[in-house]
PDB file of N, CA and C in Angstrom:
ATOM      1  N   UNK A   1     -18.321   9.750  -9.865  1.00  0.00           N
ATOM      2  CA  UNK A   1     -18.080   9.174 -11.167  1.00  0.00           C
ATOM      3  C   UNK A   1     -18.921   7.915 -11.290  1.00  0.00           C
ATOM      4  N   UNK A   2     -19.750   7.859 -12.245  1.00  0.00           N
ATOM      5  CA  UNK A   2     -20.642   6.732 -12.443  1.00  0.00           C
ATOM      6  C   UNK A   2     -19.886   5.554 -13.031  1.00  0.00           C
ATOM      7  N   UNK A   3     -20.494   4.399 -12.953  1.00  0.00           N
ATOM      8  CA  UNK A   3     -19.892   3.201 -13.518  1.00  0.00           C
ATOM      9  C   UNK A   3     -20.233   3.095 -14.999  1.00  0.00           C
ATOM     10  N   UNK A   4     -19.983   4.152 -15.740  1.00  0.00           N
ATOM     11  CA  UNK A   4     -20.277   4.134 -17.162  1.00  0.00           C
ATOM     12  C   UNK A   4     -19.011   4.047 -17.994  1.00  0.00           C
ATOM     13  N   UNK A   5     -17.947   3.562 -17.381  1.00  0.00           N
ATOM     14  CA  UNK A   5     -16.716   3.351 -18.121  1.00  0.00           C
ATOM     15  C   UNK A   5     -16.891   2.075 -18.938  1.00  0.00           C
ATOM     16  N   UNK A   6     -16.876   2.215 -20.227  1.00  0.00           N
ATOM     17  CA  UNK A   6     -17.061   1.062 -21.097  1.00  0.00           C
ATOM     18  C   UNK A   6     -15.723   0.383 -21.329  1.00  0.00           C
ATOM     19  N   UNK A   7     -15.332  -0.415 -20.367  1.00  0.00           N
ATOM     20  CA  UNK A   7     -14.048  -1.085 -20.427  1.00  0.00           C
ATOM     21  C   UNK A   7     -14.255  -2.560 -20.172  1.00  0.00           C
ATOM     22  N   UNK A   8     -13.839  -3.377 -21.121  1.00  0.00           N
ATOM     23  CA  UNK A   8     -13.919  -4.814 -20.966  1.00  0.00           C
ATOM     24  C   UNK A   8     -12.504  -5.355 -20.853  1.00  0.00           C
ATOM     25  N   UNK A   9     -12.104  -5.750 -19.650  1.00  0.00           N
ATOM     26  CA  UNK A   9     -10.719  -6.199 -19.451  1.00  0.00           C
ATOM     27  C   UNK A   9     -10.444  -7.548 -20.091  1.00  0.00           C
ATOM     28  N   UNK A  10      -9.212  -7.733 -20.489  1.00  0.00           N
ATOM     29  CA  UNK A  10      -8.743  -9.006 -21.021  1.00  0.00           C
ATOM     30  C   UNK A  10      -7.436  -9.324 -20.327  1.00  0.00           C
ATOM     31  N   UNK A  11      -7.180 -10.593 -20.140  1.00  0.00           N
ATOM     32  CA  UNK A  11      -5.972 -11.012 -19.437  1.00  0.00           C
ATOM     33  C   UNK A  11      -4.733 -10.511 -20.165  1.00  0.00           C
ATOM     34  N   UNK A  12      -3.843  -9.872 -19.386  1.00  0.00           N
ATOM     35  CA  UNK A  12      -2.593  -9.399 -19.953  1.00  0.00           C
ATOM     36  C   UNK A  12      -2.687  -8.061 -20.656  1.00  0.00           C
ATOM     37  N   UNK A  13      -3.842  -7.414 -20.574  1.00  0.00           N
ATOM     38  CA  UNK A  13      -4.029  -6.128 -21.231  1.00  0.00           C
ATOM     39  C   UNK A  13      -3.888  -5.015 -20.199  1.00  0.00           C
ATOM     40  N   UNK A  14      -3.210  -3.949 -20.574  1.00  0.00           N
ATOM     41  CA  UNK A  14      -3.021  -2.806 -19.688  1.00  0.00           C
ATOM     42  C   UNK A  14      -4.360  -2.148 -19.370  1.00  0.00           C
ATOM     43  N   UNK A  15      -4.585  -1.876 -18.099  1.00  0.00           N
ATOM     44  CA  UNK A  15      -5.808  -1.204 -17.666  1.00  0.00           C
ATOM     45  C   UNK A  15      -5.520   0.293 -17.626  1.00  0.00           C
ATOM     46  N   UNK A  16      -6.333   1.099 -18.303  1.00  0.00           N
ATOM     47  CA  UNK A  16      -6.107   2.550 -18.314  1.00  0.00           C
ATOM     48  C   UNK A  16      -6.113   3.152 -16.902  1.00  0.00           C
ATOM     49  N   UNK A  17      -5.335   4.228 -16.735  1.00  0.00           N
ATOM     50  CA  UNK A  17      -5.197   4.873 -15.434  1.00  0.00           C
ATOM     51  C   UNK A  17      -6.535   5.355 -14.883  1.00  0.00           C
ATOM     52  N   UNK A  18      -7.395   5.889 -15.740  1.00  0.00           N
ATOM     53  CA  UNK A  18      -8.677   6.390 -15.237  1.00  0.00           C
ATOM     54  C   UNK A  18      -9.549   5.257 -14.699  1.00  0.00           C
ATOM     55  N   UNK A  19      -9.437   4.076 -15.290  1.00  0.00           N
ATOM     56  CA  UNK A  19     -10.198   2.923 -14.793  1.00  0.00           C
ATOM     57  C   UNK A  19      -9.626   2.473 -13.440  1.00  0.00           C
ATOM     58  N   UNK A  20      -8.288   2.415 -13.340  1.00  0.00           N
ATOM     59  CA  UNK A  20      -7.654   2.058 -12.071  1.00  0.00           C
ATOM     60  C   UNK A  20      -8.081   3.029 -10.975  1.00  0.00           C
ATOM     61  N   UNK A  21      -8.000   4.326 -11.279  1.00  0.00           N
ATOM     62  CA  UNK A  21      -8.359   5.346 -10.294  1.00  0.00           C
ATOM     63  C   UNK A  21      -9.811   5.201  -9.854  1.00  0.00           C
ATOM     64  N   UNK A  22     -10.700   4.921 -10.815  1.00  0.00           N
ATOM     65  CA  UNK A  22     -12.115   4.747 -10.500  1.00  0.00           C
ATOM     66  C   UNK A  22     -12.327   3.569  -9.558  1.00  0.00           C
ATOM     67  N   UNK A  23     -11.670   2.450  -9.859  1.00  0.00           N
ATOM     68  CA  UNK A  23     -11.827   1.245  -9.044  1.00  0.00           C
ATOM     69  C   UNK A  23     -11.243   1.463  -7.645  1.00  0.00           C
ATOM     70  N   UNK A  24     -10.061   2.062  -7.567  1.00  0.00           N
ATOM     71  CA  UNK A  24      -9.442   2.320  -6.263  1.00  0.00           C
ATOM     72  C   UNK A  24     -10.286   3.280  -5.424  1.00  0.00           C
ATOM     73  N   UNK A  25     -10.844   4.294  -6.073  1.00  0.00           N
ATOM     74  CA  UNK A  25     -11.704   5.245  -5.366  1.00  0.00           C
ATOM     75  C   UNK A  25     -12.947   4.533  -4.827  1.00  0.00           C
ATOM     76  N   UNK A  26     -13.505   3.654  -5.643  1.00  0.00           N
ATOM     77  CA  UNK A  26     -14.698   2.914  -5.237  1.00  0.00           C
ATOM     78  C   UNK A  26     -14.391   2.006  -4.035  1.00  0.00           C
ATOM     79  N   UNK A  27     -13.211   1.391  -4.036  1.00  0.00           N
ATOM     80  CA  UNK A  27     -12.820   0.528  -2.923  1.00  0.00           C
ATOM     81  C   UNK A  27     -12.714   1.340  -1.637  1.00  0.00           C
ATOM     82  N   UNK A  28     -12.076   2.499  -1.730  1.00  0.00           N
ATOM     83  CA  UNK A  28     -11.860   3.332  -0.548  1.00  0.00           C
ATOM     84  C   UNK A  28     -13.160   3.898   0.011  1.00  0.00           C
ATOM     85  N   UNK A  29     -14.052   4.288  -0.873  1.00  0.00           N
ATOM     86  CA  UNK A  29     -15.272   4.978  -0.436  1.00  0.00           C
ATOM     87  C   UNK A  29     -16.415   4.040  -0.078  1.00  0.00           C
ATOM     88  N   UNK A  30     -16.455   2.866  -0.674  1.00  0.00           N
ATOM     89  CA  UNK A  30     -17.614   1.998  -0.475  1.00  0.00           C
ATOM     90  C   UNK A  30     -17.528   1.160   0.791  1.00  0.00           C
ATOM     91  N   UNK A  31     -16.310   0.838   1.228  1.00  0.00           N
ATOM     92  CA  UNK A  31     -16.162  -0.015   2.399  1.00  0.00           C
ATOM     93  C   UNK A  31     -16.354  -1.484   2.081  1.00  0.00           C
ATOM     94  N   UNK A  32     -16.570  -1.797   0.815  1.00  0.00           N
ATOM     95  CA  UNK A  32     -16.721  -3.196   0.386  1.00  0.00           C
ATOM     96  C   UNK A  32     -15.349  -3.807   0.136  1.00  0.00           C
ATOM     97  N   UNK A  33     -15.248  -5.129   0.200  1.00  0.00           N
ATOM     98  CA  UNK A  33     -13.958  -5.786  -0.034  1.00  0.00           C
ATOM     99  C   UNK A  33     -13.431  -5.522  -1.448  1.00  0.00           C
ATOM    100  N   UNK A  34     -12.121  -5.377  -1.540  1.00  0.00           N
ATOM    101  CA  UNK A  34     -11.481  -5.112  -2.826  1.00  0.00           C
ATOM    102  C   UNK A  34     -11.740  -6.254  -3.799  1.00  0.00           C
ATOM    103  N   UNK A  35     -11.747  -7.496  -3.299  1.00  0.00           N
ATOM    104  CA  UNK A  35     -11.956  -8.641  -4.183  1.00  0.00           C
ATOM    105  C   UNK A  35     -13.350  -8.613  -4.814  1.00  0.00           C
ATOM    106  N   UNK A  36     -14.324  -8.147  -4.051  1.00  0.00           N
ATOM    107  CA  UNK A  36     -15.702  -8.059  -4.551  1.00  0.00           C
ATOM    108  C   UNK A  36     -15.801  -7.008  -5.669  1.00  0.00           C
ATOM    109  N   UNK A  37     -15.192  -5.876  -5.460  1.00  0.00           N
ATOM    110  CA  UNK A  37     -15.233  -4.808  -6.463  1.00  0.00           C
ATOM    111  C   UNK A  37     -14.429  -5.209  -7.695  1.00  0.00           C
ATOM    112  N   UNK A  38     -13.308  -5.902  -7.485  1.00  0.00           N
ATOM    113  CA  UNK A  38     -12.513  -6.373  -8.617  1.00  0.00           C
ATOM    114  C   UNK A  38     -13.340  -7.317  -9.486  1.00  0.00           C
ATOM    115  N   UNK A  39     -14.035  -8.242  -8.856  1.00  0.00           N
ATOM    116  CA  UNK A  39     -14.869  -9.199  -9.589  1.00  0.00           C
ATOM    117  C   UNK A  39     -15.985  -8.481 -10.341  1.00  0.00           C
ATOM    118  N   UNK A  40     -16.567  -7.501  -9.686  1.00  0.00           N
ATOM    119  CA  UNK A  40     -17.650  -6.717 -10.289  1.00  0.00           C
ATOM    120  C   UNK A  40     -17.202  -6.038 -11.588  1.00  0.00           C
ATOM    121  N   UNK A  41     -15.932  -5.637 -11.631  1.00  0.00           N
ATOM    122  CA  UNK A  41     -15.406  -4.930 -12.806  1.00  0.00           C
ATOM    123  C   UNK A  41     -14.638  -5.844 -13.754  1.00  0.00           C
ATOM    124  N   UNK A  42     -14.559  -7.117 -13.406  1.00  0.00           N
ATOM    125  CA  UNK A  42     -13.874  -8.065 -14.269  1.00  0.00           C
ATOM    126  C   UNK A  42     -12.364  -7.930 -14.239  1.00  0.00           C
ATOM    127  N   UNK A  43     -11.847  -7.421 -13.129  1.00  0.00           N
ATOM    128  CA  UNK A  43     -10.407  -7.253 -12.952  1.00  0.00           C
ATOM    129  C   UNK A  43      -9.954  -8.301 -11.941  1.00  0.00           C
ATOM    130  N   UNK A  44      -8.785  -8.871 -12.154  1.00  0.00           N
ATOM    131  CA  UNK A  44      -8.260  -9.848 -11.215  1.00  0.00           C
ATOM    132  C   UNK A  44      -7.994  -9.207  -9.858  1.00  0.00           C
ATOM    133  N   UNK A  45      -8.340  -9.915  -8.800  1.00  0.00           N
ATOM    134  CA  UNK A  45      -8.166  -9.358  -7.457  1.00  0.00           C
ATOM    135  C   UNK A  45      -6.701  -9.121  -7.145  1.00  0.00           C
ATOM    136  N   UNK A  46      -5.810  -9.953  -7.677  1.00  0.00           N
ATOM    137  CA  UNK A  46      -4.380  -9.778  -7.433  1.00  0.00           C
ATOM    138  C   UNK A  46      -3.911  -8.441  -8.016  1.00  0.00           C
ATOM    139  N   UNK A  47      -4.405  -8.118  -9.207  1.00  0.00           N
ATOM    140  CA  UNK A  47      -4.045  -6.845  -9.842  1.00  0.00           C
ATOM    141  C   UNK A  47      -4.523  -5.672  -8.993  1.00  0.00           C
ATOM    142  N   UNK A  48      -5.731  -5.755  -8.490  1.00  0.00           N
ATOM    143  CA  UNK A  48      -6.281  -4.668  -7.680  1.00  0.00           C
ATOM    144  C   UNK A  48      -5.489  -4.513  -6.386  1.00  0.00           C
ATOM    145  N   UNK A  49      -5.150  -5.632  -5.751  1.00  0.00           N
ATOM    146  CA  UNK A  49      -4.352  -5.538  -4.528  1.00  0.00           C
ATOM    147  C   UNK A  49      -2.968  -4.969  -4.822  1.00  0.00           C
ATOM    148  N   UNK A  50      -2.414  -5.275  -5.989  1.00  0.00           N
ATOM    149  CA  UNK A  50      -1.118  -4.706  -6.374  1.00  0.00           C
ATOM    150  C   UNK A  50      -1.242  -3.192  -6.557  1.00  0.00           C
ATOM    151  N   UNK A  51      -2.335  -2.753  -7.176  1.00  0.00           N
ATOM    152  CA  UNK A  51      -2.561  -1.304  -7.352  1.00  0.00           C
ATOM    153  C   UNK A  51      -2.628  -0.627  -5.991  1.00  0.00           C
ATOM    154  N   UNK A  52      -3.366  -1.244  -5.060  1.00  0.00           N
ATOM    155  CA  UNK A  52      -3.496  -0.668  -3.716  1.00  0.00           C
ATOM    156  C   UNK A  52      -2.135  -0.598  -3.027  1.00  0.00           C
ATOM    157  N   UNK A  53      -1.362  -1.643  -3.162  1.00  0.00           N
ATOM    158  CA  UNK A  53      -0.037  -1.672  -2.545  1.00  0.00           C
ATOM    159  C   UNK A  53       0.845  -0.581  -3.140  1.00  0.00           C
ATOM    160  N   UNK A  54       0.843  -0.472  -4.464  1.00  0.00           N
ATOM    161  CA  UNK A  54       1.653   0.552  -5.126  1.00  0.00           C
ATOM    162  C   UNK A  54       1.233   1.948  -4.691  1.00  0.00           C
ATOM    163  N   UNK A  55      -0.056   2.141  -4.546  1.00  0.00           N
ATOM    164  CA  UNK A  55      -0.570   3.456  -4.163  1.00  0.00           C
ATOM    165  C   UNK A  55      -0.215   3.799  -2.719  1.00  0.00           C
ATOM    166  N   UNK A  56      -0.289   2.827  -1.840  1.00  0.00           N
ATOM    167  CA  UNK A  56      -0.029   3.101  -0.426  1.00  0.00           C
ATOM    168  C   UNK A  56       1.451   3.199  -0.102  1.00  0.00           C
ATOM    169  N   UNK A  57       2.303   2.675  -0.964  1.00  0.00           N
ATOM    170  CA  UNK A  57       3.735   2.799  -0.734  1.00  0.00           C
ATOM    171  C   UNK A  57       4.239   4.172  -1.112  1.00  0.00           C
ATOM    172  N   UNK A  58       3.408   4.972  -1.739  1.00  0.00           N
ATOM    173  CA  UNK A  58       3.774   6.350  -2.036  1.00  0.00           C
ATOM    174  C   UNK A  58       4.983   6.467  -2.936  1.00  0.00           C
ATOM    175  N   UNK A  59       4.972   5.722  -4.031  1.00  0.00           N
ATOM    176  CA  UNK A  59       6.102   5.699  -4.939  1.00  0.00           C
ATOM    177  C   UNK A  59       6.606   7.070  -5.346  1.00  0.00           C
ATOM    178  N   UNK A  60       5.742   8.043  -5.504  1.00  0.00           N
ATOM    179  CA  UNK A  60       6.169   9.351  -5.993  1.00  0.00           C
ATOM    180  C   UNK A  60       6.172  10.418  -4.901  1.00  0.00           C
ATOM    181  N   UNK A  61       5.866  10.040  -3.674  1.00  0.00           N
ATOM    182  CA  UNK A  61       5.756  11.027  -2.609  1.00  0.00           C
ATOM    183  C   UNK A  61       7.060  11.084  -1.814  1.00  0.00           C
ATOM    184  N   UNK A  62       7.885  12.100  -2.047  1.00  0.00           N
ATOM    185  CA  UNK A  62       9.171  12.185  -1.348  1.00  0.00           C
ATOM    186  C   UNK A  62       9.020  12.365   0.164  1.00  0.00           C
ATOM    187  N   UNK A  63       7.964  13.018   0.599  1.00  0.00           N
ATOM    188  CA  UNK A  63       7.723  13.218   2.032  1.00  0.00           C
ATOM    189  C   UNK A  63       7.528  11.877   2.727  1.00  0.00           C
ATOM    190  N   UNK A  64       6.737  11.000   2.111  1.00  0.00           N
ATOM    191  CA  UNK A  64       6.497   9.676   2.687  1.00  0.00           C
ATOM    192  C   UNK A  64       7.787   8.870   2.710  1.00  0.00           C
ATOM    193  N   UNK A  65       8.561   8.930   1.639  1.00  0.00           N
ATOM    194  CA  UNK A  65       9.838   8.216   1.575  1.00  0.00           C
ATOM    195  C   UNK A  65      10.766   8.695   2.691  1.00  0.00           C
ATOM    196  N   UNK A  66      10.815   9.998   2.906  1.00  0.00           N
ATOM    197  CA  UNK A  66      11.661  10.575   3.945  1.00  0.00           C
ATOM    198  C   UNK A  66      11.228  10.064   5.328  1.00  0.00           C
ATOM    199  N   UNK A  67       9.928  10.035   5.575  1.00  0.00           N
ATOM    200  CA  UNK A  67       9.413   9.566   6.860  1.00  0.00           C
ATOM    201  C   UNK A  67       9.698   8.080   7.075  1.00  0.00           C
ATOM    202  N   UNK A  68       9.582   7.291   6.016  1.00  0.00           N
ATOM    203  CA  UNK A  68       9.875   5.866   6.127  1.00  0.00           C
ATOM    204  C   UNK A  68      11.350   5.639   6.465  1.00  0.00           C
ATOM    205  N   UNK A  69      12.219   6.406   5.831  1.00  0.00           N
ATOM    206  CA  UNK A  69      13.653   6.281   6.093  1.00  0.00           C
ATOM    207  C   UNK A  69      13.960   6.688   7.539  1.00  0.00           C
ATOM    208  N   UNK A  70      13.371   7.807   7.981  1.00  0.00           N
ATOM    209  CA  UNK A  70      13.573   8.271   9.349  1.00  0.00           C
ATOM    210  C   UNK A  70      13.063   7.242  10.355  1.00  0.00           C
ATOM    211  N   UNK A  71      11.917   6.636  10.072  1.00  0.00           N
ATOM    212  CA  UNK A  71      11.349   5.618  10.945  1.00  0.00           C
ATOM    213  C   UNK A  71      12.293   4.420  11.061  1.00  0.00           C
ATOM    214  N   UNK A  72      12.862   4.024   9.949  1.00  0.00           N
ATOM    215  CA  UNK A  72      13.796   2.905   9.948  1.00  0.00           C
ATOM    216  C   UNK A  72      15.029   3.214  10.800  1.00  0.00           C
ATOM    217  N   UNK A  73      15.558   4.426  10.662  1.00  0.00           N
ATOM    218  CA  UNK A  73      16.725   4.824  11.454  1.00  0.00           C
ATOM    219  C   UNK A  73      16.404   4.872  12.943  1.00  0.00           C
ATOM    220  N   UNK A  74      15.226   5.365  13.279  1.00  0.00           N
ATOM    221  CA  UNK A  74      14.818   5.423  14.691  1.00  0.00           C
ATOM    222  C   UNK A  74      14.652   4.026  15.280  1.00  0.00           C
ATOM    223  N   UNK A  75      14.107   3.097  14.514  1.00  0.00           N
ATOM    224  CA  UNK A  75      13.964   1.718  14.991  1.00  0.00           C
ATOM    225  C   UNK A  75      15.333   1.103  15.256  1.00  0.00           C
ATOM    226  N   UNK A  76      16.267   1.376  14.367  1.00  0.00           N
ATOM    227  CA  UNK A  76      17.621   0.857  14.544  1.00  0.00           C
ATOM    228  C   UNK A  76      18.255   1.439  15.809  1.00  0.00           C
ATOM    229  N   UNK A  77      18.069   2.727  16.041  1.00  0.00           N
ATOM    230  CA  UNK A  77      18.609   3.383  17.231  1.00  0.00           C
ATOM    231  C   UNK A  77      18.014   2.794  18.508  1.00  0.00           C
ATOM    232  N   UNK A  78      16.713   2.574  18.508  1.00  0.00           N
ATOM    233  CA  UNK A  78      16.053   1.979  19.676  1.00  0.00           C
ATOM    234  C   UNK A  78      16.603   0.582  19.936  1.00  0.00           C
ATOM    235  N   UNK A  79      16.817  -0.196  18.894  1.00  0.00           N
ATOM    236  CA  UNK A  79      17.354  -1.546  19.060  1.00  0.00           C
ATOM    237  C   UNK A  79      18.758  -1.501  19.669  1.00  0.00           C
ATOM    238  N   UNK A  80      19.594  -0.594  19.179  1.00  0.00           N
ATOM    239  CA  UNK A  80      20.953  -0.469  19.710  1.00  0.00           C
ATOM    240  C   UNK A  80      20.944  -0.050  21.176  1.00  0.00           C
ATOM    241  N   UNK A  81      20.094   0.916  21.513  1.00  0.00           N
ATOM    242  CA  UNK A  81      20.007   1.366  22.900  1.00  0.00           C
ATOM    243  C   UNK A  81      19.470   0.266  23.820  1.00  0.00           C
ATOM    244  N   UNK A  82      18.534  -0.504  23.322  1.00  0.00           N
ATOM    245  CA  UNK A  82      17.986  -1.610  24.112  1.00  0.00           C
ATOM    246  C   UNK A  82      19.071  -2.632  24.421  1.00  0.00           C
ATOM    247  N   UNK A  83      19.914  -2.912  23.437  1.00  0.00           N
ATOM    248  CA  UNK A  83      21.026  -3.845  23.666  1.00  0.00           C
ATOM    249  C   UNK A  83      21.985  -3.319  24.726  1.00  0.00           C
ATOM    250  N   UNK A  84      22.292  -2.036  24.656  1.00  0.00           N
ATOM    251  CA  UNK A  84      23.200  -1.441  25.644  1.00  0.00           C
ATOM    252  C   UNK A  84      22.608  -1.509  27.050  1.00  0.00           C
ATOM    253  N   UNK A  85      21.319  -1.259  27.164  1.00  0.00           N
ATOM    254  CA  UNK A  85      20.659  -1.328  28.468  1.00  0.00           C
ATOM    255  C   UNK A  85      20.725  -2.746  29.015  1.00  0.00           C
ATOM    256  N   UNK A  86      20.471  -3.742  28.170  1.00  0.00           N
ATOM    257  CA  UNK A  86      20.542  -5.144  28.612  1.00  0.00           C
ATOM    258  C   UNK A  86      21.970  -5.509  29.050  1.00  0.00           C
ATOM    259  N   UNK A  87      22.958  -5.055  28.298  1.00  0.00           N
ATOM    260  CA  UNK A  87      24.345  -5.340  28.661  1.00  0.00           C
ATOM    261  C   UNK A  87      24.670  -4.751  30.025  1.00  0.00           C
ATOM    262  N   UNK A  88      24.237  -3.524  30.249  1.00  0.00           N
ATOM    263  CA  UNK A  88      24.504  -2.863  31.529  1.00  0.00           C
ATOM    264  C   UNK A  88      23.767  -3.559  32.681  1.00  0.00           C
ATOM    265  N   UNK A  89      22.554  -4.045  32.408  1.00  0.00           N
ATOM    266  CA  UNK A  89      21.813  -4.776  33.446  1.00  0.00           C
ATOM    267  C   UNK A  89      22.518  -6.066  33.813  1.00  0.00           C
ATOM    268  N   UNK A  90      23.103  -6.748  32.808  1.00  0.00           N
ATOM    269  CA  UNK A  90      23.823  -7.995  33.069  1.00  0.00           C
ATOM    270  C   UNK A  90      25.077  -7.734  33.896  1.00  0.00           C
ATOM    271  N   UNK A  91      25.694  -6.566  33.685  1.00  0.00           N
ATOM    272  CA  UNK A  91      26.894  -6.205  34.433  1.00  0.00           C
ATOM    273  C   UNK A  91      26.557  -5.773  35.859  1.00  0.00           C
ATOM    274  N   UNK A  92      25.284  -5.551  36.104  1.00  0.00           N
ATOM    275  CA  UNK A  92      24.848  -5.162  37.441  1.00  0.00           C
ATOM    276  C   UNK A  92      24.840  -3.656  37.649  1.00  0.00           C
ATOM    277  N   UNK A  93      24.791  -2.915  36.604  1.00  0.00           N
ATOM    278  CA  UNK A  93      24.809  -1.448  36.690  1.00  0.00           C
ATOM    279  C   UNK A  93      23.456  -0.941  36.968  1.00  0.00           C
TER     280      UNK A  93
END
């Protein structure tokens, strides 16, 4: 996709989804810093980083949500087991 999107951003104005997708794709594929690409397109770097965060959190991906929940439960289980092991070591077991 060429950079022929005729979009002039203004503060407080909604950025169309196709423009967001184009910018995010360019960040991922180019290897250049997100702040540099944001400046190049006249978009605030904070907005671009927010888009990246929203995209990587997988807001609409139930599989990712399920894995995150499972990971959290496993971390909690490991913490509980670690405490039990320490208690038993203190008792001399």
